[in-house]
Amino acid sequence: MENKSYYSDKIRAVDAKLEAQKIAFSPMTFQAVRALIELGLLQKISDAGDDGISIAALSQASGISLYGVGVLCEMALGMGVLKLKGPAPDSDGVKPASAVTSEKYILGKIGFFLLEDDLTRVNFNFTNDICYKGAFDLMDSIKNGKPEGLKVFGDKWTTVYEALSTLPEREKKSWFEFDHFYSDVAFPEALPIVYKNHPKRLFDIGGNTGKWAITSCRYDKDVKVSIVDLPGQTAVAEKNAKDAGFADRINFVSGNVLDETTKLPAGADAVWMSQFLDCFSLHQITKILTKIYNSVDENCDVYVMEPLWDMQKYEGASYSLQATSLYFTCIANGNSKMYRYGELVEAIEKAGFHLVTAHHNLGSNAYSILNFRKNK
């Protein structure tokens, strides 16, 4: 499924130069779109429909100056976010000044996705609220091997996961919407795979707020789930489990799974890790799986659900995942990323497991579920 364009360079030089300019100005163009959205301008243009709306009318309706509306809309026009309605230029590319003043703006297809597409909205808010300021320190993060951009949220954290419970409400909302959006949509297709063999006890490693555990208890009336995560996350998950009425079926192991003092209990029929291993380096993934290997028997199914960037159906999805790797570099932890299929399987098999089955294209975000068992 990997994009064949990665292996060729057939773009015309003039088009390549345009793409280079988009990169050169991307921080400002991103903020221009943010302003259009948060000032309500993009919505007002959308509401005008095919009739469009003039700069003057947009200024009057929004209370934003003609200048402010003008520079934002002109940039959006260059980005394809907006389109013009009015007489087209003549064969020389020129139109009368009077025609320019009568032009109206309408929403382009790109603008539609910025306003209406959930994937784009979640990614945009996450980039703005979590990544944007810290991204300036990406180069230092690469050089130093740690998330130098994380300091925008305080100087006492080594990873973003330790900081989650203390993030400002807007930033916290954007982080959790991003995290849940990508995994939750695959749950309906994941549940029949994981519960095909009716595991009685499942370990949810990296269980976060407990969504998978609660969903599991609703899906299978007999399963009991143990959530393994950092203390801040298990505290939230414990409250959610209690509120959902599953306090008797969901228990908790609090601690850092990489820490030698954090021991995994024995007795799991299945182990579940959803969008968890991308939070670690390949070396750490092998270390985590080694700990799992030592706690399970040969009949235990280990399930790993990840969006693998080389197994996506659409180029835009692969691009989003490649960009998410930069978040891990400069904000999250400094050493993990979104993985390709082969490298993730190899890291897990180094711990003594073998791949049993691989399920791809699950949910609208094309997740993969990899099922492993211990080598005999």
Protein backbone atom coordinates (compact mmCIF):
# COMPACT_ATOMS: atom_id res chain seq x y z
CA MET A 1 0.00 0.00 0.00
CA GLU A 2 3.00 2.31 0.26
CA ASN A 3 2.79 5.36 -1.99
CA LYS A 4 4.75 4.76 -5.20
CA SER A 5 5.53 8.46 -5.47
CA TYR A 6 8.03 8.00 -2.62
CA TYR A 7 10.22 6.21 -5.14
CA SER A 8 10.04 8.69 -8.05
CA ASP A 9 10.32 12.44 -8.56
CA LYS A 10 8.10 13.26 -11.51
CA ILE A 11 6.75 16.62 -10.34
CA ARG A 12 7.27 19.51 -12.77
CA ALA A 13 9.88 22.03 -11.67
CA VAL A 14 7.33 24.89 -11.61
CA ASP A 15 5.03 22.84 -9.37
CA ALA A 16 7.92 21.83 -7.13
CA LYS A 17 8.82 25.49 -6.67
CA LEU A 18 5.23 26.26 -5.65
CA GLU A 19 5.29 23.45 -3.07
CA ALA A 20 8.59 24.82 -1.75
CA GLN A 21 6.98 28.25 -1.25
CA LYS A 22 4.12 26.62 0.68
CA ILE A 23 6.67 25.09 3.02
CA ALA A 24 8.60 28.36 3.35
CA PHE A 25 5.54 30.30 4.50
CA SER A 26 3.68 27.46 6.26
CA PRO A 27 3.83 28.84 9.84
CA MET A 28 2.12 32.06 8.73
CA THR A 29 -0.38 30.40 6.41
CA PHE A 30 -1.38 28.04 9.21
CA GLN A 31 -2.06 30.98 11.51
CA ALA A 32 -3.99 32.73 8.75
CA VAL A 33 -6.35 29.77 8.57
CA ARG A 34 -6.59 29.69 12.35
CA ALA A 35 -7.62 33.36 12.33
CA LEU A 36 -10.21 32.76 9.60
CA ILE A 37 -11.73 29.95 11.64
CA GLU A 38 -11.62 31.49 15.11
CA LEU A 39 -12.84 34.91 13.94
CA GLY A 40 -15.78 33.19 12.26
CA LEU A 41 -14.84 34.46 8.79
CA LEU A 42 -14.59 31.06 7.14
CA GLN A 43 -18.01 30.08 8.48
CA LYS A 44 -19.57 33.32 7.22
CA ILE A 45 -18.14 32.67 3.75
CA SER A 46 -19.50 29.13 3.89
CA ASP A 47 -22.91 30.41 4.99
CA ALA A 48 -23.00 32.73 1.96
CA GLY A 49 -23.09 29.65 -0.26
CA ASP A 50 -22.75 29.91 -4.01
CA ASP A 51 -23.72 33.60 -3.95
CA GLY A 52 -20.48 34.42 -2.15
CA ILE A 53 -19.74 37.43 0.01
CA SER A 54 -17.71 40.57 -0.65
CA ILE A 55 -14.83 41.80 1.47
CA ALA A 56 -16.92 44.83 2.50
CA ALA A 57 -19.88 42.70 3.56
CA LEU A 58 -17.60 40.28 5.39
CA SER A 59 -15.93 43.13 7.23
CA GLN A 60 -19.27 44.62 8.25
CA ALA A 61 -20.69 41.27 9.37
CA SER A 62 -17.63 40.34 11.44
CA GLY A 63 -16.51 43.67 12.83
CA ILE A 64 -13.01 43.03 11.44
CA SER A 65 -11.36 45.80 9.42
CA LEU A 66 -11.34 45.72 5.63
CA TYR A 67 -7.56 45.39 5.82
CA GLY A 68 -7.68 42.44 8.20
CA VAL A 69 -10.33 40.60 6.23
CA GLY A 70 -8.51 41.38 2.99
CA VAL A 71 -5.08 39.99 3.88
CA LEU A 72 -6.58 36.82 5.36
CA CYS A 73 -8.84 36.14 2.39
CA GLU A 74 -6.10 36.84 -0.14
CA MET A 75 -3.83 34.34 1.58
CA ALA A 76 -6.66 31.81 1.74
CA LEU A 77 -7.19 32.37 -1.98
CA GLY A 78 -3.55 31.54 -2.64
CA MET A 79 -3.90 28.39 -0.54
CA GLY A 80 -7.02 27.23 -2.37
CA VAL A 81 -9.09 27.56 0.79
CA LEU A 82 -11.27 30.19 -0.89
CA LYS A 83 -12.26 30.84 -4.49
CA LEU A 84 -13.43 33.99 -6.26
CA LYS A 85 -16.80 34.54 -7.85
CA GLY A 86 -16.85 37.14 -10.57
CA PRO A 87 -15.73 37.80 -14.15
CA ALA A 88 -12.64 35.81 -15.06
CA PRO A 89 -9.52 37.64 -16.29
CA ASP A 90 -9.12 38.20 -20.04
CA SER A 91 -6.67 36.28 -22.19
CA ASP A 92 -3.82 38.43 -20.87
CA GLY A 93 -4.75 37.59 -17.29
CA VAL A 94 -5.98 41.13 -16.59
CA LYS A 95 -9.38 42.37 -15.45
CA PRO A 96 -10.69 45.91 -14.91
CA ALA A 97 -10.31 47.47 -11.49
CA SER A 98 -14.09 47.85 -11.26
CA ALA A 99 -14.46 44.10 -11.66
CA VAL A 100 -12.06 43.47 -8.79
CA THR A 101 -14.12 45.53 -6.35
CA SER A 102 -17.26 43.57 -7.24
CA GLU A 103 -15.73 40.16 -6.62
CA LYS A 104 -17.03 37.86 -3.94
CA TYR A 105 -15.42 35.02 -2.03
CA ILE A 106 -16.83 31.51 -1.88
CA LEU A 107 -15.63 28.47 0.04
CA GLY A 108 -13.26 26.17 -1.86
CA LYS A 109 -13.06 22.41 -1.39
CA ILE A 110 -10.04 22.77 0.89
CA GLY A 111 -11.95 25.29 2.97
CA PHE A 112 -14.83 22.83 3.24
CA PHE A 113 -12.56 20.19 4.75
CA LEU A 114 -11.05 22.70 7.16
CA LEU A 115 -14.54 23.53 8.40
CA GLU A 116 -16.39 20.22 8.17
CA ASP A 117 -13.96 17.30 8.18
CA ASP A 118 -13.43 15.81 11.66
CA LEU A 119 -9.97 14.44 10.86
CA THR A 120 -8.77 17.84 9.67
CA ARG A 121 -10.36 19.65 12.61
CA VAL A 122 -8.77 17.33 15.18
CA ASN A 123 -5.36 17.52 13.52
CA PHE A 124 -5.57 21.31 13.19
CA ASN A 125 -6.51 21.93 16.82
CA PHE A 126 -3.87 19.47 18.03
CA THR A 127 -1.19 21.17 15.97
CA ASN A 128 -2.19 24.63 17.18
CA ASP A 129 -2.75 23.87 20.87
CA ILE A 130 -0.11 21.20 21.50
CA CYS A 131 2.60 21.38 18.84
CA TYR A 132 2.85 24.84 17.31
CA LYS A 133 4.94 26.73 19.86
CA GLY A 134 7.13 23.77 20.75
CA ALA A 135 7.82 22.97 17.09
CA PHE A 136 10.37 25.80 17.03
CA ASP A 137 12.59 23.52 19.12
CA LEU A 138 12.33 20.54 16.76
CA MET A 139 15.94 20.81 15.61
CA ASP A 140 17.22 20.86 19.20
CA SER A 141 15.00 17.87 19.96
CA ILE A 142 16.58 15.98 17.07
CA LYS A 143 20.09 16.88 18.22
CA ASN A 144 19.52 16.19 21.92
CA GLY A 145 17.20 13.19 21.70
CA LYS A 146 14.61 14.67 24.04
CA PRO A 147 11.40 16.71 23.61
CA GLU A 148 12.78 20.22 23.91
CA GLY A 149 9.47 21.76 22.85
CA LEU A 150 7.69 20.33 25.89
CA LYS A 151 8.99 23.20 28.01
CA VAL A 152 6.19 25.42 26.68
CA PHE A 153 4.00 23.52 29.19
CA GLY A 154 6.47 23.68 32.08
CA ASP A 155 9.99 22.60 32.90
CA LYS A 156 9.37 19.65 35.25
CA TRP A 157 8.22 17.07 32.70
CA THR A 158 10.31 14.58 30.74
CA THR A 159 7.39 13.37 28.59
CA VAL A 160 4.02 14.85 27.70
CA TYR A 161 2.21 11.93 29.36
CA GLU A 162 3.35 13.06 32.80
CA ALA A 163 1.99 16.53 32.04
CA LEU A 164 -1.44 15.56 30.67
CA SER A 165 -3.42 15.94 33.87
CA THR A 166 -2.03 19.45 34.40
CA LEU A 167 -2.44 20.86 30.88
CA PRO A 168 -4.73 23.89 30.47
CA GLU A 169 -8.28 22.85 29.57
CA ARG A 170 -8.12 23.86 25.90
CA GLU A 171 -4.81 22.04 25.36
CA LYS A 172 -6.02 18.99 27.30
CA LYS A 173 -9.21 18.85 25.22
CA SER A 174 -7.25 19.01 21.96
CA TRP A 175 -4.81 16.30 23.09
CA PHE A 176 -7.49 13.83 24.14
CA GLU A 177 -9.66 14.51 21.08
CA PHE A 178 -6.63 13.76 18.91
CA ASP A 179 -5.76 10.61 20.85
CA HIS A 180 -9.30 9.23 20.96
CA PHE A 181 -10.26 10.18 17.42
CA TYR A 182 -7.65 7.97 15.88
CA SER A 183 -8.26 4.85 17.96
CA ASP A 184 -11.93 4.94 18.93
CA VAL A 185 -13.24 4.79 15.36
CA ALA A 186 -11.65 1.36 14.92
CA PHE A 187 -13.15 -0.15 18.09
CA PRO A 188 -16.28 -1.63 16.41
CA GLU A 189 -14.10 -3.62 13.99
CA ALA A 190 -11.46 -4.43 16.62
CA LEU A 191 -13.81 -5.96 19.20
CA PRO A 192 -14.79 -9.08 17.18
CA ILE A 193 -11.11 -9.73 16.43
CA VAL A 194 -9.94 -9.47 20.03
CA TYR A 195 -12.89 -11.34 21.54
CA LYS A 196 -13.11 -14.10 18.95
CA ASN A 197 -11.46 -16.52 21.39
CA HIS A 198 -13.43 -15.16 24.40
CA PRO A 199 -10.54 -14.16 26.70
CA LYS A 200 -11.61 -14.09 30.33
CA ARG A 201 -8.84 -11.76 31.48
CA LEU A 202 -7.38 -9.02 29.32
CA PHE A 203 -4.51 -6.65 30.10
CA ASP A 204 -4.98 -3.21 28.54
CA ILE A 205 -1.47 -1.75 28.56
CA GLY A 206 -1.55 2.01 28.06
CA GLY A 207 -5.25 2.03 28.85
CA ASN A 208 -5.39 5.82 29.21
CA THR A 209 -8.88 6.97 30.23
CA GLY A 210 -10.33 3.46 30.15
CA LYS A 211 -12.37 3.72 26.93
CA TRP A 212 -11.29 0.36 25.55
CA ALA A 213 -11.74 -1.38 28.90
CA ILE A 214 -15.25 0.01 29.34
CA THR A 215 -16.16 -0.79 25.73
CA SER A 216 -14.84 -4.33 26.26
CA CYS A 217 -16.97 -4.88 29.35
CA ARG A 218 -20.04 -3.77 27.43
CA TYR A 219 -19.16 -6.05 24.53
CA ASP A 220 -18.29 -9.19 26.54
CA LYS A 221 -20.20 -9.76 29.79
CA ASP A 222 -17.58 -12.15 31.19
CA VAL A 223 -14.28 -10.40 30.55
CA LYS A 224 -12.27 -8.75 33.31
CA VAL A 225 -9.77 -6.06 32.34
CA SER A 226 -6.59 -4.87 34.04
CA ILE A 227 -5.46 -1.41 32.93
CA VAL A 228 -1.71 -0.77 33.09
CA ASP A 229 -0.69 2.89 32.84
CA LEU A 230 0.88 5.83 34.62
CA PRO A 231 -0.75 6.83 37.94
CA GLY A 232 -2.32 9.99 36.50
CA GLN A 233 -4.03 8.01 33.75
CA THR A 234 -5.18 5.13 35.96
CA ALA A 235 -6.76 7.60 38.38
CA VAL A 236 -8.90 9.01 35.56
CA ALA A 237 -9.66 5.52 34.21
CA GLU A 238 -10.70 4.29 37.65
CA LYS A 239 -13.26 7.08 38.00
CA ASN A 240 -14.58 6.44 34.48
CA ALA A 241 -14.85 2.69 35.13
CA LYS A 242 -16.77 3.32 38.33
CA ASP A 243 -19.10 5.81 36.64
CA ALA A 244 -19.77 3.24 33.89
CA GLY A 245 -20.66 0.59 36.46
CA PHE A 246 -17.66 -1.68 35.91
CA ALA A 247 -15.65 -1.12 39.09
CA ASP A 248 -15.91 -4.84 39.84
CA ARG A 249 -14.57 -5.90 36.41
CA ILE A 250 -11.82 -3.34 35.76
CA ASN A 251 -8.75 -3.11 38.00
CA PHE A 252 -5.51 -1.21 37.73
CA VAL A 253 -1.73 -1.58 37.74
CA SER A 254 -0.20 1.88 38.14
CA GLY A 255 3.36 2.52 37.06
CA ASN A 256 5.75 3.17 34.21
CA VAL A 257 5.84 0.01 32.11
CA LEU A 258 9.49 0.70 31.27
CA ASP A 259 10.46 0.88 34.93
CA GLU A 260 12.08 -2.27 36.28
CA THR A 261 9.95 -2.00 39.43
CA THR A 262 6.69 -2.18 37.44
CA LYS A 263 5.75 -5.84 37.28
CA LEU A 264 3.03 -7.24 35.06
CA PRO A 265 0.86 -9.82 36.79
CA ALA A 266 0.50 -13.26 35.23
CA GLY A 267 -2.70 -14.85 34.01
CA ALA A 268 -3.67 -12.83 30.95
CA ASP A 269 -5.59 -14.59 28.18
CA ALA A 270 -5.05 -11.55 25.96
CA VAL A 271 -2.96 -8.38 26.01
CA TRP A 272 -4.19 -5.28 24.22
CA MET A 273 -2.13 -2.24 23.24
CA SER A 274 -3.97 0.42 21.25
CA GLN A 275 -1.88 3.26 19.85
CA PHE A 276 0.54 2.66 22.69
CA LEU A 277 3.76 1.36 21.18
CA ASP A 278 4.16 4.43 18.99
CA CYS A 279 4.94 6.24 22.25
CA PHE A 280 8.26 4.38 22.48
CA SER A 281 11.45 3.84 20.51
CA LEU A 282 12.02 0.53 18.75
CA HIS A 283 14.47 -0.51 21.46
CA GLN A 284 11.89 0.34 24.16
CA ILE A 285 9.18 -1.57 22.27
CA THR A 286 11.32 -4.70 22.38
CA LYS A 287 11.92 -4.09 26.10
CA ILE A 288 8.17 -3.75 26.80
CA LEU A 289 7.36 -6.87 24.80
CA THR A 290 10.07 -8.76 26.65
CA LYS A 291 8.33 -7.87 29.92
CA ILE A 292 5.04 -9.08 28.43
CA TYR A 293 6.75 -12.25 27.17
CA ASN A 294 7.85 -13.06 30.71
CA SER A 295 4.33 -12.67 32.10
CA VAL A 296 2.22 -14.64 29.59
CA ASP A 297 2.05 -18.22 28.31
CA GLU A 298 2.00 -19.59 24.77
CA ASN A 299 -1.80 -19.42 24.56
CA CYS A 300 -2.02 -15.71 25.27
CA ASP A 301 -2.89 -13.50 22.29
CA VAL A 302 -1.05 -10.18 22.15
CA TYR A 303 -2.87 -7.58 20.07
CA VAL A 304 -1.23 -4.39 18.85
CA MET A 305 -3.41 -1.77 17.14
CA GLU A 306 -1.57 1.00 15.30
CA PRO A 307 -2.07 3.27 12.29
CA LEU A 308 0.95 2.24 10.21
CA TRP A 309 1.88 4.99 7.78
CA ASP A 310 2.85 2.66 4.95
CA MET A 311 -0.44 0.72 5.20
CA GLN A 312 -2.79 3.66 4.62
CA LYS A 313 -5.27 3.86 1.75
CA TYR A 314 -4.85 7.59 1.16
CA GLU A 315 -1.83 9.84 0.82
CA GLY A 316 -3.35 12.39 3.20
CA ALA A 317 -3.54 9.80 5.97
CA SER A 318 0.10 8.79 5.51
CA TYR A 319 1.10 12.46 5.55
CA SER A 320 -0.78 13.03 8.81
CA LEU A 321 1.00 10.11 10.46
CA GLN A 322 4.42 11.21 9.23
CA ALA A 323 3.71 14.67 10.66
CA THR A 324 2.57 13.13 13.95
CA SER A 325 6.05 11.62 14.30
CA LEU A 326 7.39 15.18 14.63
CA TYR A 327 5.04 15.73 17.59
CA PHE A 328 6.61 12.73 19.30
CA THR A 329 10.05 14.16 18.57
CA CYS A 330 9.62 17.69 19.92
CA ILE A 331 6.72 17.42 22.40
CA ALA A 332 5.89 13.88 23.51
CA ASN A 333 9.11 12.07 24.35
CA GLY A 334 11.89 12.76 21.85
CA ASN A 335 12.44 9.21 20.66
CA SER A 336 9.31 7.59 19.19
CA LYS A 337 7.27 7.93 16.01
CA MET A 338 4.51 6.45 13.89
CA TYR A 339 5.91 3.22 12.50
CA ARG A 340 5.99 1.29 9.27
CA TYR A 341 4.61 -2.24 9.27
CA GLY A 342 7.90 -4.10 8.90
CA GLU A 343 9.90 -2.21 11.53
CA LEU A 344 7.20 -2.59 14.19
CA VAL A 345 6.80 -6.33 13.56
CA GLU A 346 10.57 -6.81 13.70
CA ALA A 347 10.87 -4.99 17.06
CA ILE A 348 8.13 -7.16 18.59
CA GLU A 349 9.50 -10.41 17.20
CA LYS A 350 12.89 -9.61 18.74
CA ALA A 351 11.22 -10.15 22.13
CA GLY A 352 10.38 -13.76 21.29
CA PHE A 353 7.00 -13.45 19.61
CA HIS A 354 5.80 -14.41 16.15
CA LEU A 355 3.12 -12.73 14.06
CA VAL A 356 -0.02 -14.88 13.84
CA THR A 357 -2.31 -12.64 11.81
CA ALA A 358 -2.41 -9.06 10.56
CA HIS A 359 -5.66 -7.19 9.98
CA HIS A 360 -5.44 -3.96 7.99
CA ASN A 361 -7.77 -1.12 6.92
CA LEU A 362 -9.85 -1.15 10.11
CA GLY A 363 -12.04 1.90 10.63
CA SER A 364 -12.02 5.11 8.66
CA ASN A 365 -8.39 5.77 9.67
CA ALA A 366 -7.10 2.44 8.28
CA TYR A 367 -5.79 0.92 11.49
CA SER A 368 -3.88 -2.34 11.63
CA ILE A 369 -4.27 -5.00 14.33
CA LEU A 370 -1.29 -7.31 14.65
CA ASN A 371 -1.84 -10.54 16.60
CA PHE A 372 1.27 -12.13 18.16
CA ARG A 373 1.96 -15.22 20.28
CA LYS A 374 5.06 -16.48 22.06
CA ASN A 375 7.42 -18.67 20.07
CA LYS A 376 7.26 -22.32 21.06
